[in-house]
C-alpha atoms as a PDB file:
ATOM      1  CA  UNK A   1       0.028  -0.034  -0.005  1.00  0.00           C
ATOM      2  CA  UNK A   2       2.917   2.155  -0.669  1.00  0.00           C
ATOM      3  CA  UNK A   3       1.420   4.588  -3.120  1.00  0.00           C
ATOM      4  CA  UNK A   4       2.075   8.144  -4.045  1.00  0.00           C
ATOM      5  CA  UNK A   5      -0.991  10.317  -4.449  1.00  0.00           C
ATOM      6  CA  UNK A   6      -0.320  13.766  -5.639  1.00  0.00           C
ATOM      7  CA  UNK A   7      -3.053  16.256  -5.428  1.00  0.00           C
ATOM      8  CA  UNK A   8      -2.786  19.764  -6.697  1.00  0.00           C
ATOM      9  CA  UNK A   9      -5.565  22.264  -6.660  1.00  0.00           C
ATOM     10  CA  UNK A  10      -5.496  25.530  -8.439  1.00  0.00           C
ATOM     11  CA  UNK A  11      -8.443  27.715  -7.328  1.00  0.00           C
ATOM     12  CA  UNK A  12     -10.067  29.446 -10.277  1.00  0.00           C
ATOM     13  CA  UNK A  13      -9.407  33.195 -10.446  1.00  0.00           C
ATOM     14  CA  UNK A  14      -8.287  35.787 -12.895  1.00  0.00           C
ATOM     15  CA  UNK A  15      -4.868  36.048 -11.212  1.00  0.00           C
ATOM     16  CA  UNK A  16      -1.788  35.667 -13.303  1.00  0.00           C
ATOM     17  CA  UNK A  17      -0.081  32.276 -12.829  1.00  0.00           C
ATOM     18  CA  UNK A  18       2.869  33.987 -11.149  1.00  0.00           C
ATOM     19  CA  UNK A  19       0.626  35.244  -8.352  1.00  0.00           C
ATOM     20  CA  UNK A  20      -1.028  31.963  -7.462  1.00  0.00           C
ATOM     21  CA  UNK A  21      -0.372  29.360  -4.802  1.00  0.00           C
ATOM     22  CA  UNK A  22      -0.116  25.799  -5.945  1.00  0.00           C
ATOM     23  CA  UNK A  23      -0.214  23.018  -3.407  1.00  0.00           C
ATOM     24  CA  UNK A  24       1.120  19.472  -3.969  1.00  0.00           C
ATOM     25  CA  UNK A  25       0.014  16.884  -1.353  1.00  0.00           C
ATOM     26  CA  UNK A  26       1.555  13.429  -1.086  1.00  0.00           C
ATOM     27  CA  UNK A  27       0.264  10.554   0.951  1.00  0.00           C
ATOM     28  CA  UNK A  28       2.542   7.559   1.514  1.00  0.00           C
ATOM     29  CA  UNK A  29       2.538   4.440   3.669  1.00  0.00           C
ATOM     30  CA  UNK A  30       5.525   4.579   5.864  1.00  0.00           C
ATOM     31  CA  UNK A  31       5.100   1.032   7.117  1.00  0.00           C
ATOM     32  CA  UNK A  32       5.570  -2.160   5.072  1.00  0.00           C
ATOM     33  CA  UNK A  33       3.972  -4.626   5.152  1.00  0.00           C
ATOM     34  CA  UNK A  34       0.560  -3.589   6.498  1.00  0.00           C
ATOM     35  CA  UNK A  35      -0.769  -6.303   8.844  1.00  0.00           C
ATOM     36  CA  UNK A  36      -4.294  -6.565  10.228  1.00  0.00           C
ATOM     37  CA  UNK A  37      -4.335  -5.591  13.929  1.00  0.00           C
ATOM     38  CA  UNK A  38      -0.899  -3.875  13.766  1.00  0.00           C
ATOM     39  CA  UNK A  39      -0.182  -0.128  13.630  1.00  0.00           C
ATOM     40  CA  UNK A  40       0.924   1.463  10.411  1.00  0.00           C
ATOM     41  CA  UNK A  41       1.677   5.022   9.582  1.00  0.00           C
ATOM     42  CA  UNK A  42       0.743   7.221   6.649  1.00  0.00           C
ATOM     43  CA  UNK A  43       2.973  10.185   6.067  1.00  0.00           C
ATOM     44  CA  UNK A  44       1.564  13.327   4.428  1.00  0.00           C
ATOM     45  CA  UNK A  45       3.645  16.132   2.849  1.00  0.00           C
ATOM     46  CA  UNK A  46       2.304  19.440   1.616  1.00  0.00           C
ATOM     47  CA  UNK A  47       4.394  21.642  -0.605  1.00  0.00           C
ATOM     48  CA  UNK A  48       3.516  25.067  -1.980  1.00  0.00           C
ATOM     49  CA  UNK A  49       5.117  25.205  -5.486  1.00  0.00           C
ATOM     50  CA  UNK A  50       3.363  28.572  -6.296  1.00  0.00           C
ATOM     51  CA  UNK A  51       4.514  32.084  -6.076  1.00  0.00           C
ATOM     52  CA  UNK A  52       2.058  33.186  -3.407  1.00  0.00           C
ATOM     53  CA  UNK A  53       1.116  31.976   0.018  1.00  0.00           C
ATOM     54  CA  UNK A  54      -1.736  29.442   0.395  1.00  0.00           C
ATOM     55  CA  UNK A  55      -4.074  30.477   3.116  1.00  0.00           C
ATOM     56  CA  UNK A  56      -6.648  28.580   5.200  1.00  0.00           C
ATOM     57  CA  UNK A  57      -5.248  25.231   4.112  1.00  0.00           C
ATOM     58  CA  UNK A  58      -7.438  22.335   5.046  1.00  0.00           C
ATOM     59  CA  UNK A  59      -6.731  18.686   4.328  1.00  0.00           C
ATOM     60  CA  UNK A  60      -9.416  16.128   5.155  1.00  0.00           C
ATOM     61  CA  UNK A  61      -8.989  12.362   4.710  1.00  0.00           C
ATOM     62  CA  UNK A  62     -11.181   9.333   5.352  1.00  0.00           C
ATOM     63  CA  UNK A  63     -10.272   5.782   6.073  1.00  0.00           C
ATOM     64  CA  UNK A  64     -13.602   4.041   6.360  1.00  0.00           C
ATOM     65  CA  UNK A  65     -14.803   1.466   8.871  1.00  0.00           C
ATOM     66  CA  UNK A  66     -11.961  -0.967   8.084  1.00  0.00           C
ATOM     67  CA  UNK A  67      -9.428   1.229   9.960  1.00  0.00           C
ATOM     68  CA  UNK A  68      -9.118   2.707  13.469  1.00  0.00           C
ATOM     69  CA  UNK A  69      -7.241   5.917  13.783  1.00  0.00           C
ATOM     70  CA  UNK A  70      -4.720   5.542  16.663  1.00  0.00           C
ATOM     71  CA  UNK A  71      -2.877   8.789  16.421  1.00  0.00           C
ATOM     72  CA  UNK A  72      -2.784  11.928  14.279  1.00  0.00           C
ATOM     73  CA  UNK A  73      -5.463  14.064  12.614  1.00  0.00           C
ATOM     74  CA  UNK A  74      -7.898  13.060   9.848  1.00  0.00           C
ATOM     75  CA  UNK A  75      -8.288  16.815   9.351  1.00  0.00           C
ATOM     76  CA  UNK A  76      -5.176  18.970   9.307  1.00  0.00           C
ATOM     77  CA  UNK A  77      -5.239  22.768   8.910  1.00  0.00           C
ATOM     78  CA  UNK A  78      -2.599  25.432   8.357  1.00  0.00           C
ATOM     79  CA  UNK A  79      -3.248  29.156   8.555  1.00  0.00           C
ATOM     80  CA  UNK A  80      -0.755  29.745   5.714  1.00  0.00           C
ATOM     81  CA  UNK A  81       1.967  27.941   3.776  1.00  0.00           C
ATOM     82  CA  UNK A  82       4.489  30.232   2.170  1.00  0.00           C
ATOM     83  CA  UNK A  83       5.827  29.861  -1.402  1.00  0.00           C
ATOM     84  CA  UNK A  84       8.442  27.118  -1.463  1.00  0.00           C
ATOM     85  CA  UNK A  85       7.577  25.952   1.999  1.00  0.00           C
ATOM     86  CA  UNK A  86       6.470  22.482   3.020  1.00  0.00           C
ATOM     87  CA  UNK A  87       4.660  20.921   5.937  1.00  0.00           C
ATOM     88  CA  UNK A  88       4.407  17.285   7.096  1.00  0.00           C
ATOM     89  CA  UNK A  89       2.218  15.350   9.363  1.00  0.00           C
ATOM     90  CA  UNK A  90       1.525  11.624  10.174  1.00  0.00           C
ATOM     91  CA  UNK A  91      -1.501   9.428  10.969  1.00  0.00           C
ATOM     92  CA  UNK A  92      -1.266   6.050  12.610  1.00  0.00           C
ATOM     93  CA  UNK A  93      -3.914   3.499  11.782  1.00  0.00           C
ATOM     94  CA  UNK A  94      -4.801  -0.085  12.642  1.00  0.00           C
ATOM     95  CA  UNK A  95      -6.483  -2.222   9.959  1.00  0.00           C
ATOM     96  CA  UNK A  96      -9.462  -4.010  11.647  1.00  0.00           C
ATOM     97  CA  UNK A  97      -9.457  -6.884   9.201  1.00  0.00           C
ATOM     98  CA  UNK A  98      -7.175  -8.516   6.564  1.00  0.00           C
ATOM     99  CA  UNK A  99      -7.874  -7.774   2.930  1.00  0.00           C
ATOM    100  CA  UNK A 100      -7.377  -5.360   0.086  1.00  0.00           C
ATOM    101  CA  UNK A 101      -8.268  -1.701   0.617  1.00  0.00           C
ATOM    102  CA  UNK A 102      -8.574   1.272  -1.669  1.00  0.00           C
ATOM    103  CA  UNK A 103      -7.244   4.240   0.191  1.00  0.00           C
ATOM    104  CA  UNK A 104      -8.508   7.275  -1.782  1.00  0.00           C
ATOM    105  CA  UNK A 105      -7.014  10.747  -1.954  1.00  0.00           C
ATOM    106  CA  UNK A 106      -7.584  13.420   0.662  1.00  0.00           C
ATOM    107  CA  UNK A 107      -9.674  16.467  -0.071  1.00  0.00           C
ATOM    108  CA  UNK A 108      -7.537  19.691  -0.081  1.00  0.00           C
ATOM    109  CA  UNK A 109      -8.986  23.178   0.209  1.00  0.00           C
ATOM    110  CA  UNK A 110      -7.128  26.470   0.411  1.00  0.00           C
ATOM    111  CA  UNK A 111      -7.342  30.114  -0.664  1.00  0.00           C
ATOM    112  CA  UNK A 112      -5.126  32.257  -2.929  1.00  0.00           C
ATOM    113  CA  UNK A 113      -4.548  35.930  -2.698  1.00  0.00           C
ATOM    114  CA  UNK A 114      -7.147  38.021  -4.458  1.00  0.00           C
ATOM    115  CA  UNK A 115      -5.033  40.960  -5.468  1.00  0.00           C
END
């Protein structure tokens, strides 16, 4: 379940591309192999590849009923992420049963400058 999910979101606006924030979010399993009943960790990294700060950053993930969250947030917020800056956080889960699971991407929302 070591998979890279990159999400980038460019809010629609009339701003020139050089004035926008552009967030890239990765979600990776830090634990191999994943075993039912044992903790495993997911690492998240958020990078602003744009030229402006991203404000009111909100990342929300969901793991479904097959996982118990042991530690870390399923919703992470940042007041602002500067251009070229990155943030990281971790979530520790326990699979409740053996099997194959489709871990979908997180939802990322943020604001760009308006002038």
